[in-house]
Amino acid sequence: MIPVTISEEAMEFINEKINETGSKDLIVFFEGFG
C-alpha cells in the first residue's frame, strides 16, 4: 500500500470506518480521496 499524508480529521474518519467495516474495505475509502 502506498503511504499517504492525511489530516487528523480524515484519520479519525478512517479509523471509525475500520471499526465499523474492518480493514478489508479500507481500500475503497482511499479511492474517494483525490
PDB file of N, CA and C in Angstrom:
ATOM      1  N   MET A   1       0.843  -1.196   0.000  1.00  0.00           N
ATOM      2  CA  MET A   1       0.000   0.000   0.000  1.00  0.00           C
ATOM      3  C   MET A   1       0.881   1.251   0.000  1.00  0.00           C
ATOM      4  N   ILE A   2       0.501   2.236  -0.760  1.00  0.00           N
ATOM      5  CA  ILE A   2       1.266   3.473  -0.842  1.00  0.00           C
ATOM      6  C   ILE A   2       0.947   4.358   0.362  1.00  0.00           C
ATOM      7  N   PRO A   3       1.976   4.795   1.095  1.00  0.00           N
ATOM      8  CA  PRO A   3       1.725   5.691   2.224  1.00  0.00           C
ATOM      9  C   PRO A   3       1.223   7.052   1.766  1.00  0.00           C
ATOM     10  N   VAL A   4       0.268   7.607   2.495  1.00  0.00           N
ATOM     11  CA  VAL A   4      -0.276   8.914   2.138  1.00  0.00           C
ATOM     12  C   VAL A   4      -0.347   9.801   3.367  1.00  0.00           C
ATOM     13  N   THR A   5      -0.279  11.099   3.163  1.00  0.00           N
ATOM     14  CA  THR A   5      -0.400  12.047   4.268  1.00  0.00           C
ATOM     15  C   THR A   5      -1.835  12.558   4.319  1.00  0.00           C
ATOM     16  N   ILE A   6      -2.479  12.370   5.474  1.00  0.00           N
ATOM     17  CA  ILE A   6      -3.858  12.809   5.620  1.00  0.00           C
ATOM     18  C   ILE A   6      -4.019  13.595   6.913  1.00  0.00           C
ATOM     19  N   SER A   7      -5.064  14.384   6.982  1.00  0.00           N
ATOM     20  CA  SER A   7      -5.304  15.221   8.154  1.00  0.00           C
ATOM     21  C   SER A   7      -5.803  14.385   9.330  1.00  0.00           C
ATOM     22  N   GLU A   8      -5.783  14.995  10.521  1.00  0.00           N
ATOM     23  CA  GLU A   8      -6.266  14.306  11.715  1.00  0.00           C
ATOM     24  C   GLU A   8      -7.736  13.920  11.562  1.00  0.00           C
ATOM     25  N   GLU A   9      -8.535  14.823  11.007  1.00  0.00           N
ATOM     26  CA  GLU A   9      -9.966  14.544  10.840  1.00  0.00           C
ATOM     27  C   GLU A   9     -10.171  13.358   9.914  1.00  0.00           C
ATOM     28  N   ALA A  10      -9.398  13.321   8.834  1.00  0.00           N
ATOM     29  CA  ALA A  10      -9.517  12.212   7.895  1.00  0.00           C
ATOM     30  C   ALA A  10      -9.113  10.905   8.573  1.00  0.00           C
ATOM     31  N   MET A  11      -8.072  10.964   9.404  1.00  0.00           N
ATOM     32  CA  MET A  11      -7.612   9.767  10.096  1.00  0.00           C
ATOM     33  C   MET A  11      -8.677   9.252  11.046  1.00  0.00           C
ATOM     34  N   GLU A  12      -9.322  10.166  11.767  1.00  0.00           N
ATOM     35  CA  GLU A  12     -10.387   9.766  12.682  1.00  0.00           C
ATOM     36  C   GLU A  12     -11.539   9.131  11.918  1.00  0.00           C
ATOM     37  N   PHE A  13     -11.884   9.728  10.766  1.00  0.00           N
ATOM     38  CA  PHE A  13     -12.957   9.202   9.935  1.00  0.00           C
ATOM     39  C   PHE A  13     -12.631   7.789   9.469  1.00  0.00           C
ATOM     40  N   ILE A  14     -11.400   7.611   9.000  1.00  0.00           N
ATOM     41  CA  ILE A  14     -10.971   6.296   8.516  1.00  0.00           C
ATOM     42  C   ILE A  14     -10.979   5.284   9.658  1.00  0.00           C
ATOM     43  N   ASN A  15     -10.490   5.693  10.826  1.00  0.00           N
ATOM     44  CA  ASN A  15     -10.473   4.785  11.973  1.00  0.00           C
ATOM     45  C   ASN A  15     -11.879   4.343  12.346  1.00  0.00           C
ATOM     46  N   GLU A  16     -12.831   5.253  12.268  1.00  0.00           N
ATOM     47  CA  GLU A  16     -14.219   4.896  12.556  1.00  0.00           C
ATOM     48  C   GLU A  16     -14.718   3.865  11.559  1.00  0.00           C
ATOM     49  N   LYS A  17     -14.379   4.071  10.285  1.00  0.00           N
ATOM     50  CA  LYS A  17     -14.820   3.140   9.255  1.00  0.00           C
ATOM     51  C   LYS A  17     -14.165   1.779   9.422  1.00  0.00           C
ATOM     52  N   ILE A  18     -12.906   1.763   9.863  1.00  0.00           N
ATOM     53  CA  ILE A  18     -12.229   0.490  10.106  1.00  0.00           C
ATOM     54  C   ILE A  18     -12.958  -0.273  11.207  1.00  0.00           C
ATOM     55  N   ASN A  19     -13.342   0.443  12.253  1.00  0.00           N
ATOM     56  CA  ASN A  19     -14.048  -0.190  13.364  1.00  0.00           C
ATOM     57  C   ASN A  19     -15.403  -0.721  12.916  1.00  0.00           C
ATOM     58  N   GLU A  20     -16.033  -0.024  11.986  1.00  0.00           N
ATOM     59  CA  GLU A  20     -17.370  -0.412  11.532  1.00  0.00           C
ATOM     60  C   GLU A  20     -17.326  -1.564  10.532  1.00  0.00           C
ATOM     61  N   THR A  21     -16.396  -1.499   9.582  1.00  0.00           N
ATOM     62  CA  THR A  21     -16.436  -2.425   8.459  1.00  0.00           C
ATOM     63  C   THR A  21     -15.260  -3.380   8.427  1.00  0.00           C
ATOM     64  N   GLY A  22     -14.167  -3.066   9.126  1.00  0.00           N
ATOM     65  CA  GLY A  22     -12.977  -3.887   9.059  1.00  0.00           C
ATOM     66  C   GLY A  22     -12.004  -3.364   8.017  1.00  0.00           C
ATOM     67  N   SER A  23     -10.720  -3.659   8.196  1.00  0.00           N
ATOM     68  CA  SER A  23      -9.669  -3.092   7.347  1.00  0.00           C
ATOM     69  C   SER A  23      -9.753  -3.576   5.905  1.00  0.00           C
ATOM     70  N   LYS A  24     -10.460  -4.665   5.650  1.00  0.00           N
ATOM     71  CA  LYS A  24     -10.546  -5.196   4.289  1.00  0.00           C
ATOM     72  C   LYS A  24     -11.162  -4.187   3.335  1.00  0.00           C
ATOM     73  N   ASP A  25     -12.060  -3.351   3.857  1.00  0.00           N
ATOM     74  CA  ASP A  25     -12.775  -2.412   2.996  1.00  0.00           C
ATOM     75  C   ASP A  25     -12.095  -1.050   2.922  1.00  0.00           C
ATOM     76  N   LEU A  26     -10.944  -0.897   3.600  1.00  0.00           N
ATOM     77  CA  LEU A  26     -10.288   0.407   3.689  1.00  0.00           C
ATOM     78  C   LEU A  26      -9.909   0.943   2.320  1.00  0.00           C
ATOM     79  N   ILE A  27      -9.472   0.054   1.421  1.00  0.00           N
ATOM     80  CA  ILE A  27      -9.020   0.482   0.093  1.00  0.00           C
ATOM     81  C   ILE A  27     -10.124   1.213  -0.654  1.00  0.00           C
ATOM     82  N   VAL A  28     -11.367   0.862  -0.388  1.00  0.00           N
ATOM     83  CA  VAL A  28     -12.492   1.507  -1.057  1.00  0.00           C
ATOM     84  C   VAL A  28     -12.550   2.988  -0.698  1.00  0.00           C
ATOM     85  N   PHE A  29     -12.252   3.304   0.565  1.00  0.00           N
ATOM     86  CA  PHE A  29     -12.321   4.691   1.015  1.00  0.00           C
ATOM     87  C   PHE A  29     -11.199   5.518   0.406  1.00  0.00           C
ATOM     88  N   PHE A  30     -10.018   4.928   0.240  1.00  0.00           N
ATOM     89  CA  PHE A  30      -8.900   5.669  -0.331  1.00  0.00           C
ATOM     90  C   PHE A  30      -9.168   6.059  -1.773  1.00  0.00           C
ATOM     91  N   GLU A  31      -9.994   5.291  -2.466  1.00  0.00           N
ATOM     92  CA  GLU A  31     -10.325   5.634  -3.846  1.00  0.00           C
ATOM     93  C   GLU A  31     -11.084   6.952  -3.902  1.00  0.00           C
ATOM     94  N   GLY A  32     -11.750   7.310  -2.816  1.00  0.00           N
ATOM     95  CA  GLY A  32     -12.525   8.539  -2.777  1.00  0.00           C
ATOM     96  C   GLY A  32     -11.676   9.777  -2.500  1.00  0.00           C
ATOM     97  N   PHE A  33     -10.434   9.567  -2.041  1.00  0.00           N
ATOM     98  CA  PHE A  33      -9.556  10.708  -1.763  1.00  0.00           C
ATOM     99  C   PHE A  33      -8.726  11.014  -2.991  1.00  0.00           C
ATOM    100  N   GLY A  34      -8.809  12.265  -3.485  1.00  0.00           N
ATOM    101  CA  GLY A  34      -8.068  12.653  -4.681  1.00  0.00           C
ATOM    102  C   GLY A  34      -6.665  12.963  -4.322  1.00  0.00           C
TER     103      GLY A  34
END
